[in-house]
Amino acid sequence: MEFIVEKIGMSRTVSVPATPVTLLKVLDTKVCDVNEGVALVSYSKGKKFNKAIEGQQKKYGLSKEFNRFATINVANTEAGDLDVSGLSEAAVLKTTFKTKGRGFQGGVKRWNFAGGRASHGHRMGRRTGSIGNAEWPGRVQPGKKMPGQYGNTNVTVKNEVVSFDAETGILVVKGSVSGPNGGLGKVRIAK
């Protein structure tokens, strides 16, 4: 079973020693259509929506607050509210979030390269330096660590469940989760 969650932020437990935890809010989700365990679901995030989404809302009989759609694996067999009872018994979750995008970055920031000397007139600075091999193979090998797009990738991490409040929809998991506060992700029950 999967759930769409919003990252609230990080905190820690009051116990000694303190444990770092991440707070996740399980979004209100309506199951619109189920096909072999995979469901089209609608959830609310933000206020903007266009004519295409209005048409989808009419088709599935949703109110205007449910303005986003996604496909997830669910335990439901028919349309209606998403069943979140499985989260109260879960011990371990797999959380998938998109990391913070940092754009085009050099080798020093992206791969933790050391860079060159800063003294005695060196022009090396924060450059990568020599990347080639000898006469053979005479090209740059695929997968070479070089400057390029950094971040904005999906990362899945296993986290232990500390607690789940079904009334407020707040899920507390042990450790950190990728992405910015307010970012959306998916949570899947592993154990």
N, C-alpha and C. Protein backbone atom coordinates (compact mmCIF):
# COMPACT_ATOMS: atom_id res chain seq x y z
N MET A 1 0.84 -1.19 0.00
CA MET A 1 0.00 0.00 0.00
C MET A 1 0.88 1.24 0.00
N GLU A 2 0.49 2.22 -0.81
CA GLU A 2 1.21 3.48 -0.90
C GLU A 2 0.31 4.62 -0.45
N PHE A 3 0.95 5.68 0.03
CA PHE A 3 0.23 6.87 0.46
C PHE A 3 1.00 8.10 -0.02
N ILE A 4 0.28 9.17 -0.33
CA ILE A 4 0.91 10.43 -0.72
C ILE A 4 1.05 11.27 0.53
N VAL A 5 2.28 11.75 0.80
CA VAL A 5 2.57 12.49 2.02
C VAL A 5 3.27 13.79 1.69
N GLU A 6 3.17 14.73 2.63
CA GLU A 6 3.87 16.01 2.54
C GLU A 6 4.86 16.09 3.69
N LYS A 7 6.09 16.48 3.39
CA LYS A 7 7.11 16.59 4.44
C LYS A 7 6.89 17.89 5.21
N ILE A 8 6.69 17.77 6.52
CA ILE A 8 6.50 18.94 7.38
C ILE A 8 7.86 19.49 7.81
N GLY A 9 8.73 18.61 8.27
CA GLY A 9 10.06 19.02 8.72
C GLY A 9 10.64 17.97 9.65
N MET A 10 11.75 18.34 10.30
CA MET A 10 12.42 17.42 11.21
C MET A 10 12.30 17.91 12.64
N SER A 11 12.41 16.97 13.57
CA SER A 11 12.37 17.27 15.00
C SER A 11 13.17 16.19 15.71
N ARG A 12 12.95 16.04 17.01
CA ARG A 12 13.59 14.97 17.75
C ARG A 12 12.67 14.52 18.87
N THR A 13 12.92 13.31 19.36
CA THR A 13 12.10 12.78 20.45
C THR A 13 12.56 13.37 21.77
N VAL A 14 11.69 13.30 22.78
CA VAL A 14 12.00 13.86 24.09
C VAL A 14 12.81 12.87 24.92
N SER A 15 12.80 11.60 24.55
CA SER A 15 13.48 10.58 25.33
C SER A 15 15.00 10.80 25.34
N VAL A 16 15.67 10.13 26.29
CA VAL A 16 17.13 10.23 26.39
C VAL A 16 17.72 8.88 25.98
N PRO A 17 18.60 8.76 25.01
CA PRO A 17 19.07 9.85 24.16
C PRO A 17 18.01 10.23 23.11
N ALA A 18 18.05 11.47 22.66
CA ALA A 18 17.07 11.96 21.68
C ALA A 18 17.29 11.29 20.32
N THR A 19 16.21 11.02 19.61
CA THR A 19 16.26 10.40 18.29
C THR A 19 15.78 11.40 17.25
N PRO A 20 16.54 11.64 16.17
CA PRO A 20 16.05 12.55 15.13
C PRO A 20 14.90 11.90 14.36
N VAL A 21 13.83 12.65 14.14
CA VAL A 21 12.65 12.14 13.44
C VAL A 21 12.21 13.13 12.37
N THR A 22 11.50 12.62 11.38
CA THR A 22 10.90 13.44 10.33
C THR A 22 9.39 13.34 10.44
N LEU A 23 8.72 14.49 10.35
CA LEU A 23 7.26 14.54 10.43
C LEU A 23 6.68 14.59 9.01
N LEU A 24 5.76 13.68 8.72
CA LEU A 24 5.11 13.61 7.43
C LEU A 24 3.60 13.70 7.62
N LYS A 25 2.93 14.46 6.75
CA LYS A 25 1.47 14.59 6.82
C LYS A 25 0.87 13.76 5.71
N VAL A 26 0.04 12.79 6.05
CA VAL A 26 -0.65 11.97 5.05
C VAL A 26 -1.79 12.81 4.49
N LEU A 27 -1.77 13.07 3.18
CA LEU A 27 -2.76 13.93 2.55
C LEU A 27 -4.11 13.23 2.42
N ASP A 28 -5.19 14.02 2.51
CA ASP A 28 -6.53 13.49 2.26
C ASP A 28 -6.59 13.05 0.80
N THR A 29 -6.93 11.81 0.57
CA THR A 29 -6.89 11.24 -0.78
C THR A 29 -8.19 10.50 -1.06
N LYS A 30 -8.71 10.71 -2.26
CA LYS A 30 -9.90 9.99 -2.72
C LYS A 30 -9.50 9.06 -3.84
N VAL A 31 -9.92 7.81 -3.75
CA VAL A 31 -9.66 6.84 -4.81
C VAL A 31 -10.74 7.02 -5.87
N CYS A 32 -10.32 7.32 -7.12
CA CYS A 32 -11.27 7.57 -8.20
C CYS A 32 -11.57 6.30 -8.99
N ASP A 33 -10.54 5.51 -9.24
CA ASP A 33 -10.71 4.33 -10.08
C ASP A 33 -9.64 3.30 -9.70
N VAL A 34 -10.00 2.03 -9.62
CA VAL A 34 -9.06 0.97 -9.26
C VAL A 34 -8.99 -0.04 -10.39
N ASN A 35 -7.74 -0.40 -10.80
CA ASN A 35 -7.55 -1.39 -11.85
C ASN A 35 -6.39 -2.30 -11.45
N GLU A 36 -6.69 -3.53 -11.01
CA GLU A 36 -5.70 -4.54 -10.60
C GLU A 36 -4.75 -4.01 -9.53
N GLY A 37 -5.29 -3.41 -8.49
CA GLY A 37 -4.49 -2.94 -7.36
C GLY A 37 -3.86 -1.58 -7.54
N VAL A 38 -3.81 -1.06 -8.78
CA VAL A 38 -3.27 0.28 -9.04
C VAL A 38 -4.45 1.23 -9.18
N ALA A 39 -4.40 2.33 -8.42
CA ALA A 39 -5.55 3.23 -8.38
C ALA A 39 -5.19 4.62 -8.87
N LEU A 40 -6.14 5.27 -9.52
CA LEU A 40 -6.05 6.69 -9.83
C LEU A 40 -6.64 7.41 -8.63
N VAL A 41 -5.82 8.24 -7.97
CA VAL A 41 -6.28 8.93 -6.78
C VAL A 41 -6.19 10.43 -6.99
N SER A 42 -7.01 11.15 -6.24
CA SER A 42 -7.02 12.61 -6.28
C SER A 42 -6.71 13.11 -4.88
N TYR A 43 -5.87 14.15 -4.79
CA TYR A 43 -5.51 14.72 -3.51
C TYR A 43 -5.44 16.24 -3.65
N SER A 44 -5.43 16.95 -2.53
CA SER A 44 -5.43 18.41 -2.58
C SER A 44 -4.05 18.94 -2.25
N LYS A 45 -3.57 19.86 -3.08
CA LYS A 45 -2.30 20.55 -2.84
C LYS A 45 -2.36 21.86 -3.60
N GLY A 46 -2.39 22.98 -2.89
CA GLY A 46 -2.47 24.27 -3.56
C GLY A 46 -3.90 24.59 -3.99
N LYS A 47 -4.10 25.77 -4.56
CA LYS A 47 -5.45 26.20 -4.92
C LYS A 47 -5.68 26.28 -6.42
N LYS A 48 -4.60 26.27 -7.23
CA LYS A 48 -4.76 26.47 -8.66
C LYS A 48 -5.17 25.17 -9.35
N PHE A 49 -6.11 25.28 -10.29
CA PHE A 49 -6.44 24.15 -11.15
C PHE A 49 -7.00 24.70 -12.44
N ASN A 50 -6.90 23.91 -13.50
CA ASN A 50 -7.32 24.36 -14.82
C ASN A 50 -8.57 23.62 -15.28
N LYS A 51 -9.00 23.92 -16.51
CA LYS A 51 -10.23 23.35 -17.05
C LYS A 51 -10.16 21.82 -17.18
N ALA A 52 -8.97 21.31 -17.51
CA ALA A 52 -8.83 19.86 -17.65
C ALA A 52 -9.07 19.17 -16.32
N ILE A 53 -8.54 19.74 -15.25
CA ILE A 53 -8.74 19.15 -13.93
C ILE A 53 -10.20 19.29 -13.51
N GLU A 54 -10.84 20.41 -13.86
CA GLU A 54 -12.28 20.58 -13.56
C GLU A 54 -13.09 19.46 -14.21
N GLY A 55 -12.75 19.09 -15.45
CA GLY A 55 -13.43 18.01 -16.16
C GLY A 55 -13.25 16.68 -15.46
N GLN A 56 -12.02 16.43 -14.98
CA GLN A 56 -11.76 15.19 -14.26
C GLN A 56 -12.56 15.15 -12.96
N GLN A 57 -12.63 16.31 -12.28
CA GLN A 57 -13.39 16.36 -11.02
C GLN A 57 -14.86 16.06 -11.26
N LYS A 58 -15.41 16.60 -12.35
CA LYS A 58 -16.81 16.32 -12.68
C LYS A 58 -17.02 14.84 -12.95
N LYS A 59 -16.07 14.24 -13.70
CA LYS A 59 -16.17 12.83 -14.09
C LYS A 59 -16.23 11.93 -12.87
N TYR A 60 -15.40 12.23 -11.85
CA TYR A 60 -15.34 11.38 -10.66
C TYR A 60 -16.16 11.92 -9.50
N GLY A 61 -16.89 13.03 -9.70
CA GLY A 61 -17.76 13.58 -8.67
C GLY A 61 -17.01 14.12 -7.46
N LEU A 62 -15.88 14.79 -7.70
CA LEU A 62 -15.06 15.33 -6.62
C LEU A 62 -15.36 16.81 -6.40
N SER A 63 -15.09 17.28 -5.16
CA SER A 63 -15.21 18.71 -4.89
C SER A 63 -13.97 19.43 -5.42
N LYS A 64 -14.01 20.78 -5.43
CA LYS A 64 -12.93 21.55 -6.03
C LYS A 64 -11.63 21.49 -5.24
N GLU A 65 -11.67 21.05 -3.98
CA GLU A 65 -10.43 21.01 -3.21
C GLU A 65 -9.49 19.91 -3.68
N PHE A 66 -10.01 18.84 -4.29
CA PHE A 66 -9.17 17.76 -4.79
C PHE A 66 -8.76 18.09 -6.22
N ASN A 67 -7.55 18.67 -6.36
CA ASN A 67 -7.16 19.23 -7.65
C ASN A 67 -5.90 18.61 -8.26
N ARG A 68 -5.38 17.53 -7.68
CA ARG A 68 -4.22 16.85 -8.25
C ARG A 68 -4.52 15.37 -8.38
N PHE A 69 -3.90 14.72 -9.38
CA PHE A 69 -4.12 13.30 -9.60
C PHE A 69 -2.79 12.55 -9.63
N ALA A 70 -2.80 11.30 -9.19
CA ALA A 70 -1.61 10.44 -9.21
C ALA A 70 -2.07 8.99 -9.26
N THR A 71 -1.15 8.09 -9.58
CA THR A 71 -1.45 6.65 -9.54
C THR A 71 -0.58 6.01 -8.47
N ILE A 72 -1.20 5.23 -7.60
CA ILE A 72 -0.48 4.53 -6.53
C ILE A 72 -1.08 3.15 -6.33
N ASN A 73 -0.35 2.27 -5.63
CA ASN A 73 -0.85 0.94 -5.28
C ASN A 73 -1.65 1.06 -3.99
N VAL A 74 -2.87 0.52 -3.98
CA VAL A 74 -3.74 0.64 -2.81
C VAL A 74 -4.34 -0.71 -2.44
N ALA A 75 -4.88 -0.75 -1.21
CA ALA A 75 -5.59 -1.95 -0.76
C ALA A 75 -7.07 -1.88 -1.10
N ASN A 76 -7.56 -0.68 -1.42
CA ASN A 76 -8.98 -0.51 -1.76
C ASN A 76 -9.33 -1.32 -3.00
N THR A 77 -10.57 -1.80 -3.05
CA THR A 77 -11.05 -2.51 -4.23
C THR A 77 -12.02 -1.69 -5.05
N GLU A 78 -12.52 -0.59 -4.48
CA GLU A 78 -13.44 0.28 -5.22
C GLU A 78 -13.21 1.74 -4.82
N ALA A 79 -13.83 2.64 -5.56
CA ALA A 79 -13.65 4.08 -5.35
C ALA A 79 -14.17 4.50 -3.99
N GLY A 80 -13.59 5.58 -3.46
CA GLY A 80 -13.98 6.11 -2.16
C GLY A 80 -12.77 6.67 -1.43
N ASP A 81 -12.90 6.81 -0.11
CA ASP A 81 -11.79 7.32 0.69
C ASP A 81 -10.67 6.27 0.76
N LEU A 82 -9.42 6.75 0.82
CA LEU A 82 -8.27 5.86 0.93
C LEU A 82 -8.17 5.32 2.35
N ASP A 83 -7.98 4.01 2.47
CA ASP A 83 -7.90 3.36 3.78
C ASP A 83 -6.49 3.52 4.35
N VAL A 84 -6.35 4.27 5.47
CA VAL A 84 -5.04 4.52 6.08
C VAL A 84 -4.81 3.68 7.33
N SER A 85 -5.66 2.71 7.59
CA SER A 85 -5.53 1.89 8.81
C SER A 85 -4.25 1.07 8.83
N GLY A 86 -3.68 0.76 7.67
CA GLY A 86 -2.45 -0.02 7.61
C GLY A 86 -1.25 0.69 8.21
N LEU A 87 -1.28 2.02 8.25
CA LEU A 87 -0.14 2.78 8.78
C LEU A 87 0.01 2.62 10.29
N SER A 88 -1.08 2.38 11.00
CA SER A 88 -1.01 2.26 12.46
C SER A 88 -0.30 0.97 12.88
N GLU A 89 -0.31 -0.06 12.03
CA GLU A 89 0.37 -1.31 12.35
C GLU A 89 1.74 -1.44 11.69
N ALA A 90 2.11 -0.48 10.83
CA ALA A 90 3.37 -0.57 10.09
C ALA A 90 4.57 -0.36 11.01
N ALA A 91 5.65 -1.09 10.74
CA ALA A 91 6.89 -0.95 11.52
C ALA A 91 7.98 -0.25 10.71
N VAL A 92 8.06 -0.59 9.41
CA VAL A 92 9.08 0.00 8.54
C VAL A 92 8.40 0.50 7.26
N LEU A 93 8.81 1.70 6.81
CA LEU A 93 8.26 2.29 5.59
C LEU A 93 9.38 2.55 4.60
N LYS A 94 9.03 2.55 3.32
CA LYS A 94 9.95 3.02 2.28
C LYS A 94 9.41 4.36 1.81
N THR A 95 10.19 5.41 2.02
CA THR A 95 9.76 6.76 1.64
C THR A 95 10.50 7.18 0.38
N THR A 96 9.76 7.70 -0.60
CA THR A 96 10.34 8.16 -1.86
C THR A 96 10.04 9.63 -2.04
N PHE A 97 11.10 10.44 -2.08
CA PHE A 97 10.98 11.88 -2.27
C PHE A 97 11.97 12.33 -3.33
N LYS A 98 11.71 13.48 -3.92
CA LYS A 98 12.63 14.09 -4.88
C LYS A 98 13.58 14.99 -4.12
N THR A 99 14.89 14.84 -4.35
CA THR A 99 15.88 15.64 -3.64
C THR A 99 15.82 17.09 -4.11
N LYS A 100 16.42 17.98 -3.32
CA LYS A 100 16.48 19.38 -3.69
C LYS A 100 17.32 19.53 -4.95
N GLY A 101 16.80 20.23 -5.94
CA GLY A 101 17.53 20.45 -7.18
C GLY A 101 18.51 21.59 -7.03
N ARG A 102 19.77 21.37 -7.42
CA ARG A 102 20.80 22.40 -7.29
C ARG A 102 21.30 22.89 -8.63
N GLY A 103 20.70 22.43 -9.72
CA GLY A 103 21.08 22.90 -11.05
C GLY A 103 22.41 22.34 -11.50
N PHE A 104 23.04 23.04 -12.45
CA PHE A 104 24.33 22.61 -13.00
C PHE A 104 25.42 22.98 -12.01
N GLN A 105 26.16 21.98 -11.51
CA GLN A 105 27.21 22.22 -10.52
C GLN A 105 28.53 21.62 -10.99
N GLY A 106 29.61 22.17 -10.47
CA GLY A 106 30.94 21.69 -10.80
C GLY A 106 31.29 20.44 -10.01
N GLY A 107 32.48 19.90 -10.29
CA GLY A 107 32.92 18.66 -9.66
C GLY A 107 33.15 18.77 -8.17
N VAL A 108 33.55 19.96 -7.70
CA VAL A 108 33.84 20.12 -6.28
C VAL A 108 32.57 19.97 -5.45
N LYS A 109 31.48 20.60 -5.87
CA LYS A 109 30.23 20.51 -5.11
C LYS A 109 29.52 19.19 -5.39
N ARG A 110 29.52 18.76 -6.64
CA ARG A 110 28.74 17.58 -7.01
C ARG A 110 29.38 16.28 -6.53
N TRP A 111 30.71 16.16 -6.63
CA TRP A 111 31.39 14.91 -6.30
C TRP A 111 32.39 15.02 -5.16
N ASN A 112 32.45 16.18 -4.49
CA ASN A 112 33.38 16.43 -3.37
C ASN A 112 34.85 16.32 -3.80
N PHE A 113 35.17 16.77 -5.03
CA PHE A 113 36.56 16.81 -5.45
C PHE A 113 37.30 17.86 -4.61
N ALA A 114 38.63 17.71 -4.49
CA ALA A 114 39.41 18.60 -3.64
C ALA A 114 39.70 19.94 -4.32
N GLY A 115 39.84 19.99 -5.63
CA GLY A 115 40.23 21.23 -6.29
C GLY A 115 41.74 21.40 -6.22
N GLY A 116 42.25 22.45 -6.85
CA GLY A 116 43.70 22.66 -6.91
C GLY A 116 44.19 23.57 -5.80
N ARG A 117 45.50 23.84 -5.82
CA ARG A 117 46.11 24.72 -4.83
C ARG A 117 45.63 26.15 -5.02
N ALA A 118 45.58 26.88 -3.95
CA ALA A 118 45.11 28.26 -4.02
C ALA A 118 46.27 29.25 -4.02
N SER A 119 47.50 28.75 -3.91
CA SER A 119 48.64 29.66 -3.76
C SER A 119 49.59 29.58 -4.96
N HIS A 120 50.55 30.48 -5.00
CA HIS A 120 51.66 30.50 -5.97
C HIS A 120 51.17 30.53 -7.41
N GLY A 121 50.17 31.34 -7.67
CA GLY A 121 49.77 31.60 -9.05
C GLY A 121 49.11 30.46 -9.78
N HIS A 122 48.59 29.49 -9.08
CA HIS A 122 47.92 28.38 -9.76
C HIS A 122 46.58 28.82 -10.30
N ARG A 123 46.25 28.31 -11.50
CA ARG A 123 44.96 28.63 -12.11
C ARG A 123 43.99 27.45 -12.00
N MET A 124 44.38 26.44 -11.28
CA MET A 124 43.57 25.23 -11.15
C MET A 124 42.23 25.53 -10.48
N GLY A 125 42.23 26.20 -9.33
CA GLY A 125 40.99 26.60 -8.65
C GLY A 125 40.10 25.42 -8.32
N ARG A 126 38.87 25.46 -8.80
CA ARG A 126 37.89 24.42 -8.50
C ARG A 126 37.61 23.56 -9.73
N ARG A 127 38.56 23.46 -10.62
CA ARG A 127 38.37 22.66 -11.84
C ARG A 127 38.65 21.18 -11.58
N THR A 128 38.17 20.33 -12.50
CA THR A 128 38.32 18.88 -12.31
C THR A 128 39.71 18.38 -12.66
N GLY A 129 40.41 19.03 -13.55
CA GLY A 129 41.74 18.57 -13.93
C GLY A 129 41.68 17.58 -15.08
N SER A 130 42.73 16.78 -15.22
CA SER A 130 42.83 15.84 -16.33
C SER A 130 41.79 14.74 -16.20
N ILE A 131 41.14 14.40 -17.33
CA ILE A 131 40.08 13.37 -17.29
C ILE A 131 40.36 12.22 -18.24
N GLY A 132 41.32 12.39 -19.15
CA GLY A 132 41.52 11.41 -20.21
C GLY A 132 42.41 10.25 -19.81
N ASN A 133 42.35 9.18 -20.61
CA ASN A 133 43.26 8.05 -20.46
C ASN A 133 44.41 8.26 -21.44
N ALA A 134 45.24 7.26 -21.63
CA ALA A 134 46.33 7.34 -22.58
C ALA A 134 45.78 7.14 -24.00
N GLU A 135 46.65 6.69 -24.91
CA GLU A 135 46.23 6.52 -26.32
C GLU A 135 45.04 5.58 -26.43
N TRP A 136 45.04 4.55 -25.56
CA TRP A 136 43.88 3.66 -25.55
C TRP A 136 43.11 3.87 -24.27
N PRO A 137 41.82 4.02 -24.17
CA PRO A 137 40.85 3.93 -25.25
C PRO A 137 40.68 5.23 -26.02
N GLY A 138 41.38 6.29 -25.65
CA GLY A 138 41.34 7.53 -26.43
C GLY A 138 40.01 8.26 -26.34
N ARG A 139 39.29 8.04 -25.29
CA ARG A 139 38.00 8.72 -25.09
C ARG A 139 37.71 8.76 -23.60
N VAL A 140 36.68 9.50 -23.25
CA VAL A 140 36.26 9.57 -21.85
C VAL A 140 35.28 8.43 -21.59
N GLN A 141 35.53 7.66 -20.54
CA GLN A 141 34.69 6.51 -20.22
C GLN A 141 33.31 6.96 -19.75
N PRO A 142 32.24 6.22 -20.08
CA PRO A 142 30.91 6.55 -19.57
C PRO A 142 30.87 6.46 -18.05
N GLY A 143 30.14 7.37 -17.41
CA GLY A 143 30.02 7.38 -15.96
C GLY A 143 31.12 8.15 -15.26
N LYS A 144 31.97 8.85 -16.02
CA LYS A 144 33.05 9.64 -15.43
C LYS A 144 32.45 10.76 -14.58
N LYS A 145 33.00 10.96 -13.39
CA LYS A 145 32.49 12.00 -12.50
C LYS A 145 32.93 13.36 -13.03
N MET A 146 31.94 14.11 -13.54
CA MET A 146 32.22 15.42 -14.15
C MET A 146 31.12 16.40 -13.73
N PRO A 147 31.30 17.70 -14.04
CA PRO A 147 30.24 18.66 -13.74
C PRO A 147 28.94 18.31 -14.47
N GLY A 148 27.81 18.70 -13.89
CA GLY A 148 26.52 18.43 -14.52
C GLY A 148 25.37 18.68 -13.57
N GLN A 149 24.18 18.21 -13.94
CA GLN A 149 22.98 18.39 -13.14
C GLN A 149 23.12 17.67 -11.80
N TYR A 150 22.84 18.39 -10.72
CA TYR A 150 23.00 17.84 -9.38
C TYR A 150 21.68 17.98 -8.64
N GLY A 151 21.18 16.90 -8.05
CA GLY A 151 19.91 16.92 -7.32
C GLY A 151 18.73 16.66 -8.25
N ASN A 152 17.52 16.90 -7.72
CA ASN A 152 16.27 16.72 -8.46
C ASN A 152 16.12 15.28 -8.96
N THR A 153 16.48 14.31 -8.10
CA THR A 153 16.33 12.90 -8.43
C THR A 153 15.52 12.22 -7.33
N ASN A 154 14.84 11.14 -7.68
CA ASN A 154 14.07 10.39 -6.70
C ASN A 154 14.99 9.55 -5.83
N VAL A 155 14.80 9.63 -4.51
CA VAL A 155 15.58 8.86 -3.56
C VAL A 155 14.62 8.10 -2.65
N THR A 156 14.83 6.79 -2.51
CA THR A 156 14.01 5.95 -1.64
C THR A 156 14.84 5.49 -0.44
N VAL A 157 14.28 5.68 0.76
CA VAL A 157 14.98 5.35 2.00
C VAL A 157 14.04 4.53 2.88
N LYS A 158 14.60 3.57 3.64
CA LYS A 158 13.81 2.83 4.62
C LYS A 158 13.85 3.58 5.94
N ASN A 159 12.69 3.77 6.57
CA ASN A 159 12.59 4.44 7.85
C ASN A 159 11.70 3.64 8.79
N GLU A 160 12.08 3.60 10.07
CA GLU A 160 11.23 2.97 11.08
C GLU A 160 10.13 3.95 11.48
N VAL A 161 8.94 3.40 11.75
CA VAL A 161 7.82 4.24 12.18
C VAL A 161 7.92 4.43 13.69
N VAL A 162 7.91 5.70 14.13
CA VAL A 162 7.91 6.01 15.56
C VAL A 162 6.47 6.07 16.05
N SER A 163 5.62 6.82 15.32
CA SER A 163 4.20 6.88 15.68
C SER A 163 3.38 7.36 14.50
N PHE A 164 2.06 7.09 14.57
CA PHE A 164 1.12 7.57 13.56
C PHE A 164 -0.16 7.99 14.25
N ASP A 165 -0.58 9.24 14.04
CA ASP A 165 -1.82 9.76 14.60
C ASP A 165 -2.86 9.78 13.49
N ALA A 166 -3.81 8.86 13.53
CA ALA A 166 -4.81 8.73 12.46
C ALA A 166 -5.74 9.95 12.41
N GLU A 167 -5.97 10.60 13.54
CA GLU A 167 -6.89 11.74 13.57
C GLU A 167 -6.34 12.94 12.80
N THR A 168 -5.06 13.26 13.02
CA THR A 168 -4.46 14.41 12.33
C THR A 168 -3.73 14.00 11.05
N GLY A 169 -3.42 12.71 10.90
CA GLY A 169 -2.71 12.23 9.72
C GLY A 169 -1.22 12.49 9.78
N ILE A 170 -0.67 12.71 10.98
CA ILE A 170 0.77 12.97 11.14
C ILE A 170 1.50 11.64 11.36
N LEU A 171 2.49 11.40 10.51
CA LEU A 171 3.30 10.19 10.57
C LEU A 171 4.70 10.61 11.00
N VAL A 172 5.23 9.99 12.05
CA VAL A 172 6.56 10.29 12.56
C VAL A 172 7.47 9.11 12.25
N VAL A 173 8.54 9.37 11.46
CA VAL A 173 9.47 8.31 11.09
C VAL A 173 10.86 8.65 11.61
N LYS A 174 11.63 7.61 11.92
CA LYS A 174 12.97 7.78 12.46
C LYS A 174 13.94 8.15 11.33
N GLY A 175 14.80 9.12 11.58
CA GLY A 175 15.82 9.51 10.61
C GLY A 175 15.34 10.57 9.65
N SER A 176 16.14 10.81 8.62
CA SER A 176 15.85 11.88 7.68
C SER A 176 15.23 11.35 6.40
N VAL A 177 14.59 12.28 5.66
CA VAL A 177 13.96 11.98 4.39
C VAL A 177 14.41 13.08 3.42
N SER A 178 14.70 12.73 2.18
CA SER A 178 15.17 13.71 1.21
C SER A 178 14.11 14.75 0.89
N GLY A 179 14.54 15.87 0.32
CA GLY A 179 13.62 16.87 -0.19
C GLY A 179 13.38 18.02 0.76
N PRO A 180 12.79 19.10 0.24
CA PRO A 180 12.53 20.28 1.05
C PRO A 180 11.27 20.13 1.90
N ASN A 181 11.14 20.96 2.93
CA ASN A 181 9.90 20.99 3.70
C ASN A 181 8.78 21.46 2.77
N GLY A 182 7.64 20.80 2.84
CA GLY A 182 6.52 21.12 1.94
C GLY A 182 6.54 20.29 0.67
N GLY A 183 7.58 19.50 0.47
CA GLY A 183 7.67 18.66 -0.72
C GLY A 183 6.77 17.44 -0.60
N LEU A 184 6.27 16.96 -1.74
CA LEU A 184 5.40 15.79 -1.77
C LEU A 184 6.19 14.54 -2.12
N GLY A 185 5.78 13.43 -1.54
CA GLY A 185 6.42 12.15 -1.81
C GLY A 185 5.46 11.01 -1.58
N LYS A 186 5.98 9.79 -1.73
CA LYS A 186 5.16 8.60 -1.52
C LYS A 186 5.76 7.78 -0.39
N VAL A 187 4.87 7.12 0.35
CA VAL A 187 5.28 6.24 1.44
C VAL A 187 4.67 4.87 1.17
N ARG A 188 5.51 3.82 1.27
CA ARG A 188 5.05 2.46 1.04
C ARG A 188 5.38 1.61 2.26
N ILE A 189 4.45 0.79 2.68
CA ILE A 189 4.67 -0.07 3.85
C ILE A 189 5.59 -1.21 3.46
N ALA A 190 6.75 -1.33 4.19
CA ALA A 190 7.70 -2.41 3.93
C ALA A 190 7.50 -3.58 4.88
N LYS A 191 7.18 -3.28 6.18
CA LYS A 191 6.93 -4.33 7.18
C LYS A 191 5.73 -3.95 8.00
